[in-house]
Amino acid sequence: MVQYTQYFTEDYKDNIMVSYGANELISSSDFAKKFGSYLLQIKENSVEKLAILKNNKVEAVLVSKKDYEAMSEALKKVEADKIITSIKTGLDDVKKGHTKPISTLWNELDN
């Protein structure tokens, strides 16, 4: 049976939770001593990720290059989608006349 430990990000409002199996949690000192072994585990997909602990807190996570690149591309897409949505919302506001002159904005910010 595999034990799981759950860690939450410090920003709880995002409701992000990541679970780590007992075999995925390693101390930073053990990681330093056995770096090659842990790198091989990631490379061979023996584990999906390795959470490196410092004072019993996850400080870093090691993933494969392939997984990192996939996550990076996914994040870029999410960010691009947010920008596009924001632009579309702004254009809709302009079409509906839900805009104010910039001078009004500056006056509101000054008050």
PDB file of N, CA and C in Angstrom:
ATOM      1  N   MET A   1       0.843  -1.182   0.000  1.00  0.00           N
ATOM      2  CA  MET A   1       0.000   0.000   0.000  1.00  0.00           C
ATOM      3  C   MET A   1       0.889   1.246   0.000  1.00  0.00           C
ATOM      4  N   VAL A   2       0.542   2.211  -0.841  1.00  0.00           N
ATOM      5  CA  VAL A   2       1.302   3.446  -0.947  1.00  0.00           C
ATOM      6  C   VAL A   2       0.664   4.500  -0.063  1.00  0.00           C
ATOM      7  N   GLN A   3       1.501   5.161   0.736  1.00  0.00           N
ATOM      8  CA  GLN A   3       1.011   6.252   1.574  1.00  0.00           C
ATOM      9  C   GLN A   3       1.069   7.533   0.769  1.00  0.00           C
ATOM     10  N   TYR A   4       0.114   8.402   0.975  1.00  0.00           N
ATOM     11  CA  TYR A   4       0.114   9.691   0.302  1.00  0.00           C
ATOM     12  C   TYR A   4       0.110  10.805   1.318  1.00  0.00           C
ATOM     13  N   THR A   5       0.886  11.810   1.039  1.00  0.00           N
ATOM     14  CA  THR A   5       0.931  13.009   1.857  1.00  0.00           C
ATOM     15  C   THR A   5       0.502  14.154   0.960  1.00  0.00           C
ATOM     16  N   GLN A   6      -0.346  15.010   1.461  1.00  0.00           N
ATOM     17  CA  GLN A   6      -0.836  16.117   0.653  1.00  0.00           C
ATOM     18  C   GLN A   6      -0.226  17.422   1.147  1.00  0.00           C
ATOM     19  N   TYR A   7       0.177  18.240   0.200  1.00  0.00           N
ATOM     20  CA  TYR A   7       0.700  19.569   0.492  1.00  0.00           C
ATOM     21  C   TYR A   7      -0.140  20.580  -0.251  1.00  0.00           C
ATOM     22  N   PHE A   8      -0.383  21.708   0.366  1.00  0.00           N
ATOM     23  CA  PHE A   8      -1.129  22.786  -0.260  1.00  0.00           C
ATOM     24  C   PHE A   8      -0.179  23.931  -0.547  1.00  0.00           C
ATOM     25  N   THR A   9      -0.471  24.666  -1.598  1.00  0.00           N
ATOM     26  CA  THR A   9       0.320  25.861  -1.848  1.00  0.00           C
ATOM     27  C   THR A   9       0.034  26.851  -0.733  1.00  0.00           C
ATOM     28  N   GLU A  10       0.906  27.827  -0.574  1.00  0.00           N
ATOM     29  CA  GLU A  10       0.702  28.837   0.462  1.00  0.00           C
ATOM     30  C   GLU A  10      -0.479  29.734   0.130  1.00  0.00           C
ATOM     31  N   ASP A  11      -0.875  29.780  -1.133  1.00  0.00           N
ATOM     32  CA  ASP A  11      -1.991  30.619  -1.557  1.00  0.00           C
ATOM     33  C   ASP A  11      -3.242  29.749  -1.648  1.00  0.00           C
ATOM     34  N   TYR A  12      -3.946  29.582  -0.540  1.00  0.00           N
ATOM     35  CA  TYR A  12      -5.070  28.664  -0.471  1.00  0.00           C
ATOM     36  C   TYR A  12      -6.241  29.077  -1.358  1.00  0.00           C
ATOM     37  N   LYS A  13      -6.323  30.363  -1.724  1.00  0.00           N
ATOM     38  CA  LYS A  13      -7.451  30.810  -2.529  1.00  0.00           C
ATOM     39  C   LYS A  13      -7.478  30.135  -3.887  1.00  0.00           C
ATOM     40  N   ASP A  14      -6.311  29.696  -4.369  1.00  0.00           N
ATOM     41  CA  ASP A  14      -6.259  29.009  -5.653  1.00  0.00           C
ATOM     42  C   ASP A  14      -6.740  27.562  -5.554  1.00  0.00           C
ATOM     43  N   ASN A  15      -6.866  27.048  -4.341  1.00  0.00           N
ATOM     44  CA  ASN A  15      -7.344  25.692  -4.119  1.00  0.00           C
ATOM     45  C   ASN A  15      -6.502  24.653  -4.856  1.00  0.00           C
ATOM     46  N   ILE A  16      -5.210  24.854  -4.856  1.00  0.00           N
ATOM     47  CA  ILE A  16      -4.309  23.936  -5.542  1.00  0.00           C
ATOM     48  C   ILE A  16      -3.808  22.898  -4.551  1.00  0.00           C
ATOM     49  N   MET A  17      -3.948  21.644  -4.917  1.00  0.00           N
ATOM     50  CA  MET A  17      -3.496  20.576  -4.054  1.00  0.00           C
ATOM     51  C   MET A  17      -2.699  19.584  -4.890  1.00  0.00           C
ATOM     52  N   VAL A  18      -1.566  19.195  -4.377  1.00  0.00           N
ATOM     53  CA  VAL A  18      -0.752  18.191  -5.042  1.00  0.00           C
ATOM     54  C   VAL A  18      -0.506  17.073  -4.047  1.00  0.00           C
ATOM     55  N   SER A  19      -0.679  15.845  -4.496  1.00  0.00           N
ATOM     56  CA  SER A  19      -0.418  14.695  -3.639  1.00  0.00           C
ATOM     57  C   SER A  19       0.892  14.048  -4.051  1.00  0.00           C
ATOM     58  N   TYR A  20       1.635  13.580  -3.061  1.00  0.00           N
ATOM     59  CA  TYR A  20       2.895  12.897  -3.312  1.00  0.00           C
ATOM     60  C   TYR A  20       2.853  11.535  -2.645  1.00  0.00           C
ATOM     61  N   GLY A  21       3.293  10.530  -3.378  1.00  0.00           N
ATOM     62  CA  GLY A  21       3.423   9.206  -2.784  1.00  0.00           C
ATOM     63  C   GLY A  21       4.629   9.184  -1.864  1.00  0.00           C
ATOM     64  N   ALA A  22       4.650   8.262  -0.929  1.00  0.00           N
ATOM     65  CA  ALA A  22       5.766   8.167   0.012  1.00  0.00           C
ATOM     66  C   ALA A  22       7.091   8.012  -0.731  1.00  0.00           C
ATOM     67  N   ASN A  23       7.077   7.342  -1.880  1.00  0.00           N
ATOM     68  CA  ASN A  23       8.301   7.151  -2.656  1.00  0.00           C
ATOM     69  C   ASN A  23       8.701   8.400  -3.451  1.00  0.00           C
ATOM     70  N   GLU A  24       7.881   9.431  -3.401  1.00  0.00           N
ATOM     71  CA  GLU A  24       8.159  10.671  -4.121  1.00  0.00           C
ATOM     72  C   GLU A  24       8.664  11.784  -3.202  1.00  0.00           C
ATOM     73  N   LEU A  25       8.738  11.527  -1.918  1.00  0.00           N
ATOM     74  CA  LEU A  25       9.173  12.523  -0.941  1.00  0.00           C
ATOM     75  C   LEU A  25      10.592  12.200  -0.494  1.00  0.00           C
ATOM     76  N   ILE A  26      11.514  13.146  -0.688  1.00  0.00           N
ATOM     77  CA  ILE A  26      12.901  12.914  -0.287  1.00  0.00           C
ATOM     78  C   ILE A  26      13.460  14.164   0.381  1.00  0.00           C
ATOM     79  N   SER A  27      14.315  13.934   1.345  1.00  0.00           N
ATOM     80  CA  SER A  27      14.946  15.076   2.023  1.00  0.00           C
ATOM     81  C   SER A  27      15.996  15.683   1.106  1.00  0.00           C
ATOM     82  N   SER A  28      16.270  16.954   1.309  1.00  0.00           N
ATOM     83  CA  SER A  28      17.264  17.630   0.478  1.00  0.00           C
ATOM     84  C   SER A  28      18.648  17.015   0.665  1.00  0.00           C
ATOM     85  N   SER A  29      18.965  16.583   1.877  1.00  0.00           N
ATOM     86  CA  SER A  29      20.280  15.976   2.111  1.00  0.00           C
ATOM     87  C   SER A  29      20.391  14.629   1.394  1.00  0.00           C
ATOM     88  N   ASP A  30      19.318  13.839   1.432  1.00  0.00           N
ATOM     89  CA  ASP A  30      19.316  12.556   0.727  1.00  0.00           C
ATOM     90  C   ASP A  30      19.389  12.788  -0.785  1.00  0.00           C
ATOM     91  N   PHE A  31      18.685  13.818  -1.260  1.00  0.00           N
ATOM     92  CA  PHE A  31      18.714  14.155  -2.683  1.00  0.00           C
ATOM     93  C   PHE A  31      20.135  14.502  -3.126  1.00  0.00           C
ATOM     94  N   ALA A  32      20.833  15.279  -2.305  1.00  0.00           N
ATOM     95  CA  ALA A  32      22.201  15.670  -2.637  1.00  0.00           C
ATOM     96  C   ALA A  32      23.127  14.448  -2.689  1.00  0.00           C
ATOM     97  N   LYS A  33      22.938  13.520  -1.756  1.00  0.00           N
ATOM     98  CA  LYS A  33      23.796  12.335  -1.701  1.00  0.00           C
ATOM     99  C   LYS A  33      23.521  11.365  -2.855  1.00  0.00           C
ATOM    100  N   LYS A  34      22.268  11.270  -3.265  1.00  0.00           N
ATOM    101  CA  LYS A  34      21.877  10.261  -4.253  1.00  0.00           C
ATOM    102  C   LYS A  34      21.291  10.874  -5.515  1.00  0.00           C
ATOM    103  N   PHE A  35      21.816  12.034  -5.901  1.00  0.00           N
ATOM    104  CA  PHE A  35      21.285  12.770  -7.053  1.00  0.00           C
ATOM    105  C   PHE A  35      21.170  11.888  -8.290  1.00  0.00           C
ATOM    106  N   GLY A  36      22.224  11.166  -8.629  1.00  0.00           N
ATOM    107  CA  GLY A  36      22.225  10.325  -9.828  1.00  0.00           C
ATOM    108  C   GLY A  36      21.119   9.284  -9.808  1.00  0.00           C
ATOM    109  N   SER A  37      20.919   8.686  -8.672  1.00  0.00           N
ATOM    110  CA  SER A  37      19.873   7.668  -8.521  1.00  0.00           C
ATOM    111  C   SER A  37      18.482   8.274  -8.727  1.00  0.00           C
ATOM    112  N   TYR A  38      18.259   9.440  -8.140  1.00  0.00           N
ATOM    113  CA  TYR A  38      16.952  10.096  -8.286  1.00  0.00           C
ATOM    114  C   TYR A  38      16.731  10.586  -9.713  1.00  0.00           C
ATOM    115  N   LEU A  39      17.780  11.083 -10.340  1.00  0.00           N
ATOM    116  CA  LEU A  39      17.683  11.511 -11.730  1.00  0.00           C
ATOM    117  C   LEU A  39      17.317  10.335 -12.630  1.00  0.00           C
ATOM    118  N   LEU A  40      17.900   9.174 -12.359  1.00  0.00           N
ATOM    119  CA  LEU A  40      17.593   7.966 -13.129  1.00  0.00           C
ATOM    120  C   LEU A  40      16.133   7.551 -12.941  1.00  0.00           C
ATOM    121  N   GLN A  41      15.615   7.676 -11.715  1.00  0.00           N
ATOM    122  CA  GLN A  41      14.201   7.350 -11.462  1.00  0.00           C
ATOM    123  C   GLN A  41      13.275   8.212 -12.315  1.00  0.00           C
ATOM    124  N   ILE A  42      13.599   9.499 -12.404  1.00  0.00           N
ATOM    125  CA  ILE A  42      12.792  10.415 -13.219  1.00  0.00           C
ATOM    126  C   ILE A  42      12.936  10.054 -14.690  1.00  0.00           C
ATOM    127  N   LYS A  43      14.178   9.837 -15.123  1.00  0.00           N
ATOM    128  CA  LYS A  43      14.450   9.536 -16.526  1.00  0.00           C
ATOM    129  C   LYS A  43      13.750   8.261 -16.978  1.00  0.00           C
ATOM    130  N   GLU A  44      13.732   7.250 -16.121  1.00  0.00           N
ATOM    131  CA  GLU A  44      13.119   5.959 -16.455  1.00  0.00           C
ATOM    132  C   GLU A  44      11.628   5.916 -16.132  1.00  0.00           C
ATOM    133  N   ASN A  45      11.074   7.015 -15.672  1.00  0.00           N
ATOM    134  CA  ASN A  45       9.653   7.114 -15.294  1.00  0.00           C
ATOM    135  C   ASN A  45       9.263   6.148 -14.182  1.00  0.00           C
ATOM    136  N   SER A  46      10.215   5.837 -13.297  1.00  0.00           N
ATOM    137  CA  SER A  46       9.899   5.022 -12.120  1.00  0.00           C
ATOM    138  C   SER A  46       8.975   5.781 -11.191  1.00  0.00           C
ATOM    139  N   VAL A  47       9.148   7.109 -11.176  1.00  0.00           N
ATOM    140  CA  VAL A  47       8.268   8.006 -10.431  1.00  0.00           C
ATOM    141  C   VAL A  47       7.913   9.162 -11.355  1.00  0.00           C
ATOM    142  N   GLU A  48       6.745   9.748 -11.136  1.00  0.00           N
ATOM    143  CA  GLU A  48       6.295  10.882 -11.956  1.00  0.00           C
ATOM    144  C   GLU A  48       7.027  12.162 -11.575  1.00  0.00           C
ATOM    145  N   LYS A  49       7.279  12.289 -10.266  1.00  0.00           N
ATOM    146  CA  LYS A  49       7.894  13.502  -9.737  1.00  0.00           C
ATOM    147  C   LYS A  49       8.573  13.167  -8.428  1.00  0.00           C
ATOM    148  N   LEU A  50       9.509  14.016  -8.025  1.00  0.00           N
ATOM    149  CA  LEU A  50      10.152  13.877  -6.727  1.00  0.00           C
ATOM    150  C   LEU A  50      10.055  15.209  -6.000  1.00  0.00           C
ATOM    151  N   ALA A  51       9.468  15.190  -4.826  1.00  0.00           N
ATOM    152  CA  ALA A  51       9.343  16.393  -4.006  1.00  0.00           C
ATOM    153  C   ALA A  51      10.523  16.430  -3.044  1.00  0.00           C
ATOM    154  N   ILE A  52      11.283  17.506  -3.116  1.00  0.00           N
ATOM    155  CA  ILE A  52      12.465  17.649  -2.280  1.00  0.00           C
ATOM    156  C   ILE A  52      12.085  18.464  -1.047  1.00  0.00           C
ATOM    157  N   LEU A  53      12.303  17.861   0.118  1.00  0.00           N
ATOM    158  CA  LEU A  53      11.889  18.456   1.385  1.00  0.00           C
ATOM    159  C   LEU A  53      13.046  19.145   2.096  1.00  0.00           C
ATOM    160  N   LYS A  54      12.750  20.277   2.666  1.00  0.00           N
ATOM    161  CA  LYS A  54      13.693  20.990   3.538  1.00  0.00           C
ATOM    162  C   LYS A  54      12.895  21.361   4.775  1.00  0.00           C
ATOM    163  N   ASN A  55      13.329  20.874   5.935  1.00  0.00           N
ATOM    164  CA  ASN A  55      12.584  21.079   7.187  1.00  0.00           C
ATOM    165  C   ASN A  55      11.142  20.592   7.054  1.00  0.00           C
ATOM    166  N   ASN A  56      10.970  19.446   6.423  1.00  0.00           N
ATOM    167  CA  ASN A  56       9.668  18.788   6.226  1.00  0.00           C
ATOM    168  C   ASN A  56       8.675  19.598   5.400  1.00  0.00           C
ATOM    169  N   LYS A  57       9.165  20.505   4.581  1.00  0.00           N
ATOM    170  CA  LYS A  57       8.315  21.267   3.666  1.00  0.00           C
ATOM    171  C   LYS A  57       8.830  21.053   2.254  1.00  0.00           C
ATOM    172  N   VAL A  58       7.914  20.936   1.297  1.00  0.00           N
ATOM    173  CA  VAL A  58       8.316  20.791  -0.090  1.00  0.00           C
ATOM    174  C   VAL A  58       8.912  22.111  -0.557  1.00  0.00           C
ATOM    175  N   GLU A  59      10.159  22.061  -0.987  1.00  0.00           N
ATOM    176  CA  GLU A  59      10.861  23.257  -1.459  1.00  0.00           C
ATOM    177  C   GLU A  59      11.030  23.249  -2.969  1.00  0.00           C
ATOM    178  N   ALA A  60      11.060  22.061  -3.567  1.00  0.00           N
ATOM    179  CA  ALA A  60      11.241  21.952  -5.017  1.00  0.00           C
ATOM    180  C   ALA A  60      10.669  20.617  -5.469  1.00  0.00           C
ATOM    181  N   VAL A  61      10.358  20.558  -6.753  1.00  0.00           N
ATOM    182  CA  VAL A  61       9.853  19.311  -7.339  1.00  0.00           C
ATOM    183  C   VAL A  61      10.644  19.036  -8.605  1.00  0.00           C
ATOM    184  N   LEU A  62      11.144  17.825  -8.708  1.00  0.00           N
ATOM    185  CA  LEU A  62      11.894  17.408  -9.880  1.00  0.00           C
ATOM    186  C   LEU A  62      10.977  16.588 -10.786  1.00  0.00           C
ATOM    187  N   VAL A  63      10.887  17.007 -12.040  1.00  0.00           N
ATOM    188  CA  VAL A  63      10.099  16.281 -13.040  1.00  0.00           C
ATOM    189  C   VAL A  63      10.970  16.083 -14.273  1.00  0.00           C
ATOM    190  N   SER A  64      10.518  15.233 -15.163  1.00  0.00           N
ATOM    191  CA  SER A  64      11.276  14.996 -16.380  1.00  0.00           C
ATOM    192  C   SER A  64      11.247  16.222 -17.283  1.00  0.00           C
ATOM    193  N   LYS A  65      12.209  16.295 -18.173  1.00  0.00           N
ATOM    194  CA  LYS A  65      12.269  17.383 -19.147  1.00  0.00           C
ATOM    195  C   LYS A  65      10.999  17.408 -19.976  1.00  0.00           C
ATOM    196  N   LYS A  66      10.532  16.241 -20.384  1.00  0.00           N
ATOM    197  CA  LYS A  66       9.310  16.131 -21.198  1.00  0.00           C
ATOM    198  C   LYS A  66       8.103  16.695 -20.444  1.00  0.00           C
ATOM    199  N   ASP A  67       7.963  16.311 -19.187  1.00  0.00           N
ATOM    200  CA  ASP A  67       6.842  16.813 -18.384  1.00  0.00           C
ATOM    201  C   ASP A  67       6.943  18.312 -18.154  1.00  0.00           C
ATOM    202  N   TYR A  68       8.160  18.793 -17.888  1.00  0.00           N
ATOM    203  CA  TYR A  68       8.351  20.226 -17.678  1.00  0.00           C
ATOM    204  C   TYR A  68       7.960  21.002 -18.931  1.00  0.00           C
ATOM    205  N   GLU A  69       8.414  20.542 -20.094  1.00  0.00           N
ATOM    206  CA  GLU A  69       8.095  21.239 -21.335  1.00  0.00           C
ATOM    207  C   GLU A  69       6.592  21.223 -21.610  1.00  0.00           C
ATOM    208  N   ALA A  70       5.929  20.103 -21.318  1.00  0.00           N
ATOM    209  CA  ALA A  70       4.477  20.023 -21.504  1.00  0.00           C
ATOM    210  C   ALA A  70       3.763  20.999 -20.566  1.00  0.00           C
ATOM    211  N   MET A  71       4.208  21.070 -19.306  1.00  0.00           N
ATOM    212  CA  MET A  71       3.587  22.000 -18.353  1.00  0.00           C
ATOM    213  C   MET A  71       3.827  23.443 -18.771  1.00  0.00           C
ATOM    214  N   SER A  72       5.021  23.722 -19.252  1.00  0.00           N
ATOM    215  CA  SER A  72       5.350  25.079 -19.686  1.00  0.00           C
ATOM    216  C   SER A  72       4.477  25.503 -20.865  1.00  0.00           C
ATOM    217  N   GLU A  73       4.291  24.622 -21.821  1.00  0.00           N
ATOM    218  CA  GLU A  73       3.438  24.929 -22.973  1.00  0.00           C
ATOM    219  C   GLU A  73       1.977  25.099 -22.548  1.00  0.00           C
ATOM    220  N   ALA A  74       1.517  24.254 -21.631  1.00  0.00           N
ATOM    221  CA  ALA A  74       0.141  24.363 -21.142  1.00  0.00           C
ATOM    222  C   ALA A  74      -0.066  25.702 -20.435  1.00  0.00           C
ATOM    223  N   LEU A  75       0.905  26.127 -19.644  1.00  0.00           N
ATOM    224  CA  LEU A  75       0.813  27.405 -18.942  1.00  0.00           C
ATOM    225  C   LEU A  75       0.776  28.565 -19.935  1.00  0.00           C
ATOM    226  N   LYS A  76       1.596  28.498 -20.975  1.00  0.00           N
ATOM    227  CA  LYS A  76       1.582  29.546 -21.995  1.00  0.00           C
ATOM    228  C   LYS A  76       0.209  29.651 -22.647  1.00  0.00           C
ATOM    229  N   LYS A  77      -0.411  28.503 -22.905  1.00  0.00           N
ATOM    230  CA  LYS A  77      -1.737  28.508 -23.528  1.00  0.00           C
ATOM    231  C   LYS A  77      -2.773  29.116 -22.585  1.00  0.00           C
ATOM    232  N   VAL A  78      -2.734  28.755 -21.321  1.00  0.00           N
ATOM    233  CA  VAL A  78      -3.668  29.304 -20.340  1.00  0.00           C
ATOM    234  C   VAL A  78      -3.492  30.821 -20.249  1.00  0.00           C
ATOM    235  N   GLU A  79      -2.236  31.282 -20.189  1.00  0.00           N
ATOM    236  CA  GLU A  79      -1.984  32.718 -20.107  1.00  0.00           C
ATOM    237  C   GLU A  79      -2.462  33.438 -21.363  1.00  0.00           C
ATOM    238  N   ALA A  80      -2.222  32.848 -22.527  1.00  0.00           N
ATOM    239  CA  ALA A  80      -2.679  33.455 -23.788  1.00  0.00           C
ATOM    240  C   ALA A  80      -4.203  33.521 -23.821  1.00  0.00           C
ATOM    241  N   ASP A  81      -4.868  32.465 -23.357  1.00  0.00           N
ATOM    242  CA  ASP A  81      -6.333  32.453 -23.323  1.00  0.00           C
ATOM    243  C   ASP A  81      -6.873  33.546 -22.403  1.00  0.00           C
ATOM    244  N   LYS A  82      -6.201  33.777 -21.271  1.00  0.00           N
ATOM    245  CA  LYS A  82      -6.624  34.846 -20.356  1.00  0.00           C
ATOM    246  C   LYS A  82      -6.471  36.211 -21.003  1.00  0.00           C
ATOM    247  N   ILE A  83      -5.384  36.422 -21.716  1.00  0.00           N
ATOM    248  CA  ILE A  83      -5.156  37.702 -22.399  1.00  0.00           C
ATOM    249  C   ILE A  83      -6.216  37.919 -23.468  1.00  0.00           C
ATOM    250  N   ILE A  84      -6.493  36.890 -24.254  1.00  0.00           N
ATOM    251  CA  ILE A  84      -7.502  36.997 -25.316  1.00  0.00           C
ATOM    252  C   ILE A  84      -8.871  37.293 -24.719  1.00  0.00           C
ATOM    253  N   THR A  85      -9.211  36.627 -23.628  1.00  0.00           N
ATOM    254  CA  THR A  85     -10.496  36.872 -22.964  1.00  0.00           C
ATOM    255  C   THR A  85     -10.574  38.311 -22.464  1.00  0.00           C
ATOM    256  N   SER A  86      -9.490  38.801 -21.890  1.00  0.00           N
ATOM    257  CA  SER A  86      -9.458  40.177 -21.394  1.00  0.00           C
ATOM    258  C   SER A  86      -9.626  41.177 -22.534  1.00  0.00           C
ATOM    259  N   ILE A  87      -8.960  40.933 -23.639  1.00  0.00           N
ATOM    260  CA  ILE A  87      -9.084  41.823 -24.802  1.00  0.00           C
ATOM    261  C   ILE A  87     -10.512  41.814 -25.333  1.00  0.00           C
ATOM    262  N   LYS A  88     -11.102  40.615 -25.443  1.00  0.00           N
ATOM    263  CA  LYS A  88     -12.483  40.505 -25.934  1.00  0.00           C
ATOM    264  C   LYS A  88     -13.452  41.241 -25.010  1.00  0.00           C
ATOM    265  N   THR A  89     -13.235  41.111 -23.706  1.00  0.00           N
ATOM    266  CA  THR A  89     -14.088  41.809 -22.735  1.00  0.00           C
ATOM    267  C   THR A  89     -13.957  43.316 -22.910  1.00  0.00           C
ATOM    268  N   GLY A  90     -12.725  43.787 -23.080  1.00  0.00           N
ATOM    269  CA  GLY A  90     -12.502  45.218 -23.296  1.00  0.00           C
ATOM    270  C   GLY A  90     -13.163  45.717 -24.568  1.00  0.00           C
ATOM    271  N   LEU A  91     -13.045  44.947 -25.644  1.00  0.00           N
ATOM    272  CA  LEU A  91     -13.684  45.338 -26.908  1.00  0.00           C
ATOM    273  C   LEU A  91     -15.202  45.355 -26.777  1.00  0.00           C
ATOM    274  N   ASP A  92     -15.755  44.388 -26.059  1.00  0.00           N
ATOM    275  CA  ASP A  92     -17.205  44.371 -25.817  1.00  0.00           C
ATOM    276  C   ASP A  92     -17.634  45.606 -25.020  1.00  0.00           C
ATOM    277  N   ASP A  93     -16.830  45.988 -24.021  1.00  0.00           N
ATOM    278  CA  ASP A  93     -17.136  47.181 -23.222  1.00  0.00           C
ATOM    279  C   ASP A  93     -17.144  48.426 -24.109  1.00  0.00           C
ATOM    280  N   VAL A  94     -16.186  48.516 -25.020  1.00  0.00           N
ATOM    281  CA  VAL A  94     -16.133  49.665 -25.935  1.00  0.00           C
ATOM    282  C   VAL A  94     -17.379  49.683 -26.808  1.00  0.00           C
ATOM    283  N   LYS A  95     -17.764  48.540 -27.361  1.00  0.00           N
ATOM    284  CA  LYS A  95     -18.945  48.456 -28.230  1.00  0.00           C
ATOM    285  C   LYS A  95     -20.214  48.850 -27.476  1.00  0.00           C
ATOM    286  N   LYS A  96     -20.299  48.473 -26.191  1.00  0.00           N
ATOM    287  CA  LYS A  96     -21.492  48.750 -25.398  1.00  0.00           C
ATOM    288  C   LYS A  96     -21.453  50.146 -24.763  1.00  0.00           C
ATOM    289  N   GLY A  97     -20.365  50.840 -24.963  1.00  0.00           N
ATOM    290  CA  GLY A  97     -20.259  52.185 -24.397  1.00  0.00           C
ATOM    291  C   GLY A  97     -19.951  52.184 -22.909  1.00  0.00           C
ATOM    292  N   HIS A  98     -19.431  51.096 -22.393  1.00  0.00           N
ATOM    293  CA  HIS A  98     -19.098  50.992 -20.969  1.00  0.00           C
ATOM    294  C   HIS A  98     -17.673  51.484 -20.718  1.00  0.00           C
ATOM    295  N   THR A  99     -17.365  52.628 -21.264  1.00  0.00           N
ATOM    296  CA  THR A  99     -16.021  53.192 -21.092  1.00  0.00           C
ATOM    297  C   THR A  99     -16.118  54.613 -20.566  1.00  0.00           C
ATOM    298  N   LYS A 100     -15.010  55.103 -20.021  1.00  0.00           N
ATOM    299  CA  LYS A 100     -14.934  56.470 -19.523  1.00  0.00           C
ATOM    300  C   LYS A 100     -13.671  57.095 -20.098  1.00  0.00           C
ATOM    301  N   PRO A 101     -13.661  58.413 -20.223  1.00  0.00           N
ATOM    302  CA  PRO A 101     -12.431  59.078 -20.662  1.00  0.00           C
ATOM    303  C   PRO A 101     -11.317  58.850 -19.638  1.00  0.00           C
ATOM    304  N   ILE A 102     -10.079  58.824 -20.097  1.00  0.00           N
ATOM    305  CA  ILE A 102      -8.936  58.590 -19.205  1.00  0.00           C
ATOM    306  C   ILE A 102      -8.854  59.653 -18.112  1.00  0.00           C
ATOM    307  N   SER A 103      -9.265  60.880 -18.418  1.00  0.00           N
ATOM    308  CA  SER A 103      -9.212  61.942 -17.408  1.00  0.00           C
ATOM    309  C   SER A 103     -10.133  61.613 -16.227  1.00  0.00           C
ATOM    310  N   THR A 104     -11.262  60.982 -16.500  1.00  0.00           N
ATOM    311  CA  THR A 104     -12.175  60.573 -15.425  1.00  0.00           C
ATOM    312  C   THR A 104     -11.518  59.512 -14.549  1.00  0.00           C
ATOM    313  N   LEU A 105     -10.833  58.594 -15.180  1.00  0.00           N
ATOM    314  CA  LEU A 105     -10.132  57.553 -14.419  1.00  0.00           C
ATOM    315  C   LEU A 105      -9.096  58.164 -13.493  1.00  0.00           C
ATOM    316  N   TRP A 106      -8.277  59.090 -14.016  1.00  0.00           N
ATOM    317  CA  TRP A 106      -7.250  59.724 -13.185  1.00  0.00           C
ATOM    318  C   TRP A 106      -7.887  60.487 -12.030  1.00  0.00           C
ATOM    319  N   ASN A 107      -8.992  61.161 -12.275  1.00  0.00           N
ATOM    320  CA  ASN A 107      -9.683  61.894 -11.205  1.00  0.00           C
ATOM    321  C   ASN A 107     -10.188  60.936 -10.138  1.00  0.00           C
ATOM    322  N   GLU A 108     -10.735  59.796 -10.551  1.00  0.00           N
ATOM    323  CA  GLU A 108     -11.217  58.804  -9.569  1.00  0.00           C
ATOM    324  C   GLU A 108     -10.069  58.217  -8.767  1.00  0.00           C
ATOM    325  N   LEU A 109      -8.931  58.003  -9.401  1.00  0.00           N
ATOM    326  CA  LEU A 109      -7.777  57.456  -8.679  1.00  0.00           C
ATOM    327  C   LEU A 109      -7.197  58.458  -7.699  1.00  0.00           C
ATOM    328  N   ASP A 110      -7.278  59.739  -8.012  1.00  0.00           N
ATOM    329  CA  ASP A 110      -6.742  60.761  -7.127  1.00  0.00           C
ATOM    330  C   ASP A 110      -7.592  60.932  -5.879  1.00  0.00           C
ATOM    331  N   ASN A 111      -8.869  60.567  -5.938  1.00  0.00           N
ATOM    332  CA  ASN A 111      -9.776  60.766  -4.793  1.00  0.00           C
ATOM    333  C   ASN A 111      -9.796  59.603  -3.868  1.00  0.00           C
TER     334      ASN A 111
END
